[in-house]
Amino acid sequence: MKSFDELTSQELDAWHRLRAANPALDSPYFHPGFAAAVHEFEPVRVAVSRDARGEVASLLPCHRDGALLRPVGWPGADFQGPVRAPGTPFRPVELLGRGVRGLEFDHLLEAEGFEPWIVSRRASPYVDVSGGLDGYLGRASRTGKDNMGQARRRTAKAERAYGPVRFEADTVDAEALREVVRLKRAQYAATGAKDYFAAPGRQELLTKLLHTRDPAFRGVLSTLRAGPHLLAAHFGMCSGGVLHWWFPVYDPEYAKLAPGWILLRELVAAAPALGISRIDLGRGDDEYKRRAKTGESVVCQGLVTRSPARLALRRARDSLAATARRSGLLRDLVRKVKKM
C-alpha cells in the first residue's frame, strides 16, 4: 500500500487505462480525480497489484481506520471496488495483515473475488437520460411519467406564486453550495441520520470538487429558483456521460411544490447539452428513486476478514438493518448496534 501522492505517473496512467477498459467503472467514483480530491482532506492509501510481467493489474484506493480498511470517500462513496480490467483476478484477503484485520464495503460493485465476504445486496437505481426529456419519457414507468407531468404543472404554479423560475444546470456558485450543505445538515438533524458534514474536511471536499472543471471529471452544482427563492439544488459529480446524484436538497418551506421533482425534470431535459446519458441515483429505498428510475444496478455490503465471528456479526447487523428498513420499528436499535 502506498499514499495516493506516492503513485507514479505510470501507475496513474494505468489507473486511467484500466478504468477505460472496464465499462462497469464509468462512475466518477472510480476516476482518480475523486481519490485525489479526497486525499487533500483525508489520507488515501492505494493497494497496487502487478501481474507476472510487472504491469499494474489493479488499484484499490482506501482509507485506514484503525484495524479496518474502507473504500476511498467512505462513508460517502456510493460505488466501490478495485480498478481493474474485466476478468483480472483480485484477492482482497491479501490486503489483510500488518495490523489490518478487515476490509469493509457497503457499495461494492459485483466483483469477482469478494463473494465469500458479501453478506447482502441492495439495488442502486439509475435514470437513462439519453435523448433528454423526450427520451426519458419513452422509457420511464407510468409513475415516473406522472411525476414529470406534475413537475411541469408545479413549475407554472411556483412561477405564479414566487416569480420567474430559473434553473442552472452546472453553476460554480460557492454561496449556493453552502446552502446545499446547510439544508442537508438540517435534513440529517430532522431525520436522525448521521451528519456526513460533521467530520472535518467534508464541506471543503465539496468546494474543491465544485471548482474542479476537468471535462473528464468535475463537480456539478444544479440550482432551481423561483424569484429570489432557492427551491431546490443538487451537488454531484460527473465523469464522461455519467452524473452521480449525490447531495439533493430542497427547502422544506416549498415542499408542497415537490421542488425535487422539478429539479430532476429540468436536469433530465438539460442532460444532452451537458453530455450526460445516465444519472446514477445511488443506493436507497427512497420513493422518488423507485418512481424515477429506468433501471438499477446492484451494490454489495460485507466485510473481508479472516475471522468467522466478525463476519457472522456483520451478517447479523445487516439482517437487523434490513428488518428495520422493512418494518420501521427497529431503527433506534439498529443505530445502537452500528455504534457497537
Protein backbone atom coordinates (compact mmCIF):
# COMPACT_ATOMS: atom_id res chain seq x y z
CA MET A 1 0.00 0.00 0.00
CA LYS A 2 1.23 3.48 -0.75
CA SER A 3 -0.05 7.00 -0.21
CA PHE A 4 -2.01 8.42 -3.15
CA ASP A 5 0.57 11.15 -3.66
CA GLU A 6 3.30 8.48 -3.97
CA LEU A 7 1.73 6.97 -7.08
CA THR A 8 3.99 7.20 -10.10
CA SER A 9 2.91 8.61 -13.45
CA GLN A 10 2.99 5.03 -14.77
CA GLU A 11 0.57 3.91 -12.06
CA LEU A 12 -1.78 6.85 -12.68
CA ASP A 13 -1.70 6.14 -16.40
CA ALA A 14 -2.55 2.51 -15.64
CA TRP A 15 -5.47 3.69 -13.49
CA HIS A 16 -6.92 5.58 -16.45
CA ARG A 17 -6.21 2.73 -18.85
CA LEU A 18 -7.75 0.01 -16.68
CA ARG A 19 -10.82 2.10 -15.96
CA ALA A 20 -11.33 2.87 -19.64
CA ALA A 21 -11.12 -0.85 -20.41
CA ASN A 22 -13.91 -1.70 -17.97
CA PRO A 23 -17.35 -0.17 -18.77
CA ALA A 24 -18.58 -1.08 -15.27
CA LEU A 25 -16.22 1.56 -13.84
CA ASP A 26 -17.69 4.59 -15.60
CA SER A 27 -18.93 6.14 -12.33
CA PRO A 28 -16.98 9.25 -11.26
CA TYR A 29 -16.17 7.44 -8.00
CA PHE A 30 -13.67 5.33 -9.94
CA HIS A 31 -11.90 8.29 -11.53
CA PRO A 32 -8.53 9.08 -9.91
CA GLY A 33 -9.70 12.70 -9.67
CA PHE A 34 -12.07 11.68 -6.90
CA ALA A 35 -9.32 9.98 -4.90
CA ALA A 36 -7.04 12.98 -5.48
CA ALA A 37 -9.66 15.41 -4.16
CA VAL A 38 -10.42 13.27 -1.10
CA HIS A 39 -6.71 12.86 -0.36
CA GLU A 40 -6.38 16.62 0.21
CA PHE A 41 -8.59 16.28 3.29
CA GLU A 42 -8.23 12.67 4.39
CA PRO A 43 -5.28 10.33 3.72
CA VAL A 44 -5.90 7.92 0.84
CA ARG A 45 -3.88 4.71 0.55
CA VAL A 46 -3.77 2.72 -2.68
CA ALA A 47 -3.20 -1.02 -2.95
CA VAL A 48 -1.40 -1.60 -6.25
CA SER A 49 -1.09 -5.13 -7.58
CA ARG A 50 1.03 -6.19 -10.53
CA ASP A 51 0.96 -9.15 -12.90
CA ALA A 52 3.79 -11.57 -13.70
CA ARG A 53 5.24 -9.07 -16.18
CA GLY A 54 5.35 -6.31 -13.59
CA GLU A 55 2.48 -4.39 -15.18
CA VAL A 56 -0.15 -2.75 -12.96
CA ALA A 57 -3.10 -5.15 -12.81
CA SER A 58 -5.37 -3.42 -10.29
CA LEU A 59 -5.62 -0.49 -7.88
CA LEU A 60 -7.82 -0.14 -4.82
CA PRO A 61 -7.90 3.29 -3.13
CA CYS A 62 -9.00 3.24 0.50
CA HIS A 63 -8.72 4.75 3.97
CA ARG A 64 -7.30 3.07 7.03
CA ASP A 65 -9.30 3.44 10.23
CA GLY A 66 -7.52 1.54 12.96
CA ALA A 67 -7.63 -2.14 12.00
CA LEU A 68 -10.11 -1.54 9.16
CA LEU A 69 -9.67 -0.54 5.54
CA ARG A 70 -12.59 1.27 3.92
CA PRO A 71 -13.11 2.42 0.30
CA VAL A 72 -12.00 5.90 -0.69
CA GLY A 73 -14.59 8.55 0.16
CA TRP A 74 -16.23 6.47 2.91
CA PRO A 75 -18.95 6.96 4.05
CA GLY A 76 -19.94 8.99 1.00
CA ALA A 77 -18.74 6.55 -1.66
CA ASP A 78 -21.78 5.20 -3.50
CA PHE A 79 -19.75 2.91 -5.77
CA GLN A 80 -16.70 0.93 -4.63
CA GLY A 81 -14.31 -1.73 -5.84
CA PRO A 82 -10.91 -2.32 -7.39
CA VAL A 83 -9.98 -0.61 -10.63
CA ARG A 84 -9.05 -3.46 -12.97
CA ALA A 85 -9.76 -4.80 -16.43
CA PRO A 86 -12.63 -7.31 -16.70
CA GLY A 87 -11.60 -10.80 -15.64
CA THR A 88 -8.47 -9.70 -13.77
CA PRO A 89 -8.04 -11.80 -10.59
CA PHE A 90 -8.25 -9.95 -7.28
CA ARG A 91 -7.69 -11.44 -3.82
CA PRO A 92 -8.88 -8.93 -1.21
CA VAL A 93 -7.76 -11.16 1.67
CA GLU A 94 -4.18 -10.36 0.68
CA LEU A 95 -4.78 -6.81 1.92
CA LEU A 96 -5.08 -8.11 5.48
CA GLY A 97 -2.05 -8.18 7.75
CA ARG A 98 0.30 -5.65 9.33
CA GLY A 99 -2.43 -4.68 11.77
CA VAL A 100 -5.23 -4.66 9.17
CA ARG A 101 -7.95 -7.14 10.20
CA GLY A 102 -10.74 -6.22 7.82
CA LEU A 103 -11.81 -4.52 4.60
CA GLU A 104 -15.34 -3.16 4.96
CA PHE A 105 -17.54 -2.27 1.98
CA ASP A 106 -21.14 -1.13 1.60
CA HIS A 107 -21.50 -0.11 -2.07
CA LEU A 108 -19.28 -2.67 -3.79
CA LEU A 109 -19.98 -3.40 -7.43
CA GLU A 110 -20.42 -7.11 -8.09
CA ALA A 111 -16.77 -8.13 -8.09
CA GLU A 112 -15.09 -11.48 -8.64
CA GLY A 113 -13.02 -12.44 -5.61
CA PHE A 114 -15.29 -10.86 -2.98
CA GLU A 115 -18.09 -13.44 -2.94
CA PRO A 116 -17.15 -15.21 0.35
CA TRP A 117 -17.46 -11.93 2.23
CA ILE A 118 -20.64 -10.46 0.72
CA VAL A 119 -23.43 -10.51 3.30
CA SER A 120 -26.17 -8.59 1.46
CA ARG A 121 -27.02 -6.88 -1.79
CA ARG A 122 -29.14 -3.79 -2.50
CA ALA A 123 -30.40 -2.04 -5.60
CA SER A 124 -28.82 1.18 -6.84
CA PRO A 125 -31.30 2.86 -9.23
CA TYR A 126 -30.33 4.92 -12.25
CA VAL A 127 -32.05 7.07 -14.86
CA ASP A 128 -31.23 6.66 -18.55
CA VAL A 129 -31.39 10.24 -19.82
CA SER A 130 -30.08 9.71 -23.35
CA GLY A 131 -32.30 11.76 -25.63
CA GLY A 132 -33.16 14.19 -22.85
CA LEU A 133 -36.68 14.53 -21.51
CA ASP A 134 -38.38 13.01 -24.57
CA GLY A 135 -36.04 10.03 -24.47
CA TYR A 136 -36.62 9.56 -20.75
CA LEU A 137 -40.40 9.74 -21.06
CA GLY A 138 -40.23 6.99 -23.66
CA ARG A 139 -38.51 4.70 -21.15
CA ALA A 140 -39.98 5.81 -17.83
CA SER A 141 -42.54 3.91 -15.78
CA ARG A 142 -46.09 5.21 -15.55
CA THR A 143 -45.36 6.76 -12.14
CA GLY A 144 -42.20 8.37 -13.49
CA LYS A 145 -44.15 9.95 -16.35
CA ASP A 146 -46.90 11.06 -13.96
CA ASN A 147 -44.41 12.75 -11.63
CA MET A 148 -42.69 14.52 -14.51
CA GLY A 149 -46.08 15.80 -15.68
CA GLN A 150 -46.87 17.03 -12.19
CA ALA A 151 -43.47 18.72 -12.03
CA ARG A 152 -44.28 20.67 -15.20
CA ARG A 153 -47.56 21.91 -13.72
CA ARG A 154 -45.94 22.76 -10.39
CA THR A 155 -43.30 24.80 -12.21
CA ALA A 156 -46.08 27.04 -13.50
CA LYS A 157 -47.57 27.19 -10.00
CA ALA A 158 -44.22 28.19 -8.48
CA GLU A 159 -43.83 30.92 -11.07
CA ARG A 160 -47.23 32.37 -10.27
CA ALA A 161 -46.57 32.30 -6.53
CA TYR A 162 -42.93 33.35 -6.25
CA GLY A 163 -41.67 34.76 -9.53
CA PRO A 164 -39.83 33.53 -12.63
CA VAL A 165 -38.44 30.01 -12.32
CA ARG A 166 -34.74 29.75 -13.18
CA PHE A 167 -32.77 26.55 -13.47
CA GLU A 168 -28.98 26.43 -13.70
CA ALA A 169 -27.70 23.01 -14.66
CA ASP A 170 -23.99 23.49 -13.92
CA THR A 171 -23.05 26.57 -11.93
CA VAL A 172 -19.95 27.42 -9.91
CA ASP A 173 -21.71 29.20 -7.05
CA ALA A 174 -20.00 28.89 -3.66
CA GLU A 175 -22.88 30.52 -1.80
CA ALA A 176 -25.41 28.11 -3.32
CA LEU A 177 -23.16 25.20 -2.33
CA ARG A 178 -23.08 26.46 1.26
CA GLU A 179 -26.89 26.50 1.18
CA VAL A 180 -26.90 22.90 -0.08
CA VAL A 181 -24.78 21.88 2.90
CA ARG A 182 -26.96 23.85 5.33
CA LEU A 183 -30.18 22.27 4.03
CA LYS A 184 -28.61 18.81 4.00
CA ARG A 185 -27.45 19.12 7.60
CA ALA A 186 -30.91 20.27 8.63
CA GLN A 187 -32.34 17.22 6.89
CA TYR A 188 -29.92 14.93 8.75
CA ALA A 189 -30.95 16.51 12.06
CA ALA A 190 -34.67 16.22 11.29
CA THR A 191 -34.46 12.55 10.32
CA GLY A 192 -31.90 11.46 12.90
CA ALA A 193 -29.43 10.41 10.20
CA LYS A 194 -25.71 10.67 10.81
CA ASP A 195 -24.39 14.06 9.71
CA TYR A 196 -21.94 13.46 6.86
CA PHE A 197 -20.65 17.02 7.15
CA ALA A 198 -19.84 16.81 10.85
CA ALA A 199 -16.43 15.31 10.04
CA PRO A 200 -13.58 17.72 9.23
CA GLY A 201 -12.87 18.35 5.56
CA ARG A 202 -16.20 17.19 4.11
CA GLN A 203 -17.52 20.65 3.25
CA GLU A 204 -14.11 21.60 1.91
CA LEU A 205 -14.14 18.47 -0.29
CA LEU A 206 -17.34 19.62 -1.99
CA THR A 207 -15.86 23.08 -2.52
CA LYS A 208 -12.78 21.50 -4.08
CA LEU A 209 -14.95 19.41 -6.40
CA LEU A 210 -17.11 22.43 -7.28
CA HIS A 211 -14.03 24.16 -8.66
CA THR A 212 -12.75 21.06 -10.47
CA ARG A 213 -13.64 21.71 -14.10
CA ASP A 214 -11.83 18.93 -15.96
CA PRO A 215 -14.21 17.68 -18.69
CA ALA A 216 -13.28 14.10 -17.71
CA PHE A 217 -14.13 14.65 -14.03
CA ARG A 218 -15.84 17.57 -12.35
CA GLY A 219 -18.28 18.62 -9.68
CA VAL A 220 -21.75 19.66 -10.85
CA LEU A 221 -23.99 22.04 -8.91
CA SER A 222 -27.57 22.50 -10.17
CA THR A 223 -29.98 25.04 -8.69
CA LEU A 224 -33.69 25.76 -9.03
CA ARG A 225 -35.01 29.19 -8.06
CA ALA A 226 -38.36 30.94 -8.20
CA GLY A 227 -37.89 34.68 -7.98
CA PRO A 228 -35.29 35.19 -5.21
CA HIS A 229 -36.04 31.85 -3.53
CA LEU A 230 -33.86 28.74 -3.78
CA LEU A 231 -36.40 25.94 -4.03
CA ALA A 232 -34.06 23.00 -4.55
CA ALA A 233 -30.49 22.18 -5.51
CA HIS A 234 -28.20 19.26 -6.13
CA PHE A 235 -24.46 18.74 -5.93
CA GLY A 236 -22.91 15.71 -7.60
CA MET A 237 -20.00 14.56 -9.71
CA CYS A 238 -19.73 13.91 -13.43
CA SER A 239 -17.31 11.77 -15.41
CA GLY A 240 -17.83 11.22 -19.10
CA GLY A 241 -21.53 10.68 -19.68
CA VAL A 242 -22.34 9.73 -16.08
CA LEU A 243 -23.63 12.11 -13.42
CA HIS A 244 -23.83 10.84 -9.88
CA TRP A 245 -26.79 12.19 -7.88
CA TRP A 246 -25.03 12.80 -4.56
CA PHE A 247 -26.48 15.59 -2.40
CA PRO A 248 -30.01 16.60 -3.48
CA VAL A 249 -31.83 19.05 -1.22
CA TYR A 250 -34.96 21.18 -1.20
CA ASP A 251 -36.22 23.90 1.11
CA PRO A 252 -39.00 22.39 3.29
CA GLU A 253 -40.86 25.71 3.07
CA TYR A 254 -41.71 24.85 -0.54
CA ALA A 255 -42.34 21.15 -0.03
CA LYS A 256 -45.88 21.31 -1.42
CA LEU A 257 -44.41 22.13 -4.82
CA ALA A 258 -42.31 18.92 -4.79
CA PRO A 259 -39.33 21.03 -5.95
CA GLY A 260 -37.05 17.99 -6.04
CA TRP A 261 -39.09 16.60 -8.94
CA ILE A 262 -39.00 19.94 -10.72
CA LEU A 263 -35.22 20.00 -10.34
CA LEU A 264 -34.86 16.43 -11.60
CA ARG A 265 -37.10 17.14 -14.60
CA GLU A 266 -35.02 20.18 -15.56
CA LEU A 267 -31.80 18.20 -15.19
CA VAL A 268 -33.11 15.37 -17.38
CA ALA A 269 -34.07 17.93 -20.02
CA ALA A 270 -30.61 19.54 -19.83
CA ALA A 271 -28.73 16.22 -19.95
CA PRO A 272 -27.89 16.21 -23.70
CA ALA A 273 -26.37 19.71 -23.51
CA LEU A 274 -24.27 18.56 -20.54
CA GLY A 275 -23.13 15.42 -22.36
CA ILE A 276 -24.89 13.21 -19.79
CA SER A 277 -26.56 9.93 -20.73
CA ARG A 278 -27.10 8.42 -17.27
CA ILE A 279 -27.84 9.75 -13.80
CA ASP A 280 -26.93 7.32 -11.02
CA LEU A 281 -29.31 7.94 -8.13
CA GLY A 282 -27.35 5.88 -5.61
CA ARG A 283 -28.42 3.05 -3.31
CA GLY A 284 -31.60 3.62 -1.39
CA ASP A 285 -35.28 2.85 -0.98
CA ASP A 286 -36.49 6.42 -1.42
CA GLU A 287 -39.86 6.58 -3.11
CA TYR A 288 -38.75 9.15 -5.67
CA LYS A 289 -35.94 6.84 -6.78
CA ARG A 290 -38.36 3.96 -7.29
CA ARG A 291 -40.63 6.21 -9.32
CA ALA A 292 -37.95 7.96 -11.39
CA LYS A 293 -35.63 5.05 -12.22
CA THR A 294 -35.40 3.40 -15.62
CA GLY A 295 -33.15 0.62 -14.32
CA GLU A 296 -30.90 -0.40 -11.47
CA SER A 297 -27.52 -1.93 -10.72
CA VAL A 298 -26.61 -3.91 -7.62
CA VAL A 299 -24.16 -2.98 -4.88
CA CYS A 300 -22.92 -5.31 -2.16
CA GLN A 301 -22.32 -4.98 1.57
CA GLY A 302 -19.87 -7.03 3.60
CA LEU A 303 -16.55 -7.40 5.33
CA VAL A 304 -13.38 -9.11 4.16
CA THR A 305 -11.96 -10.78 7.27
CA ARG A 306 -10.25 -13.95 8.41
CA SER A 307 -12.49 -14.05 11.49
CA PRO A 308 -15.70 -16.09 11.09
CA ALA A 309 -17.06 -14.47 14.25
CA ARG A 310 -16.64 -10.94 12.89
CA LEU A 311 -18.25 -11.94 9.61
CA ALA A 312 -21.17 -13.55 11.48
CA LEU A 313 -21.63 -10.35 13.50
CA ARG A 314 -21.67 -8.34 10.28
CA ARG A 315 -24.30 -10.68 8.80
CA ALA A 316 -26.45 -10.26 11.92
CA ARG A 317 -26.13 -6.49 11.78
CA ASP A 318 -27.12 -6.34 8.11
CA SER A 319 -30.04 -8.69 8.69
CA LEU A 320 -31.27 -6.49 11.54
CA ALA A 321 -30.90 -3.37 9.40
CA ALA A 322 -32.90 -4.99 6.58
CA THR A 323 -35.67 -5.88 9.02
CA ALA A 324 -35.70 -2.31 10.32
CA ARG A 325 -36.00 -0.91 6.82
CA ARG A 326 -38.99 -3.13 6.18
CA SER A 327 -40.76 -2.57 9.50
CA GLY A 328 -39.60 0.88 10.60
CA LEU A 329 -39.81 -0.34 14.24
CA LEU A 330 -36.19 -1.20 14.97
CA ARG A 331 -34.42 1.92 13.74
CA ASP A 332 -33.14 3.01 17.15
CA LEU A 333 -31.87 -0.50 17.91
CA VAL A 334 -30.04 -0.65 14.59
CA ARG A 335 -28.26 2.61 15.37
CA LYS A 336 -27.12 1.22 18.70
CA VAL A 337 -25.83 -1.97 17.08
CA LYS A 338 -23.96 0.04 14.45
CA LYS A 339 -22.32 2.10 17.17
CA MET A 340 -21.20 -1.12 18.85
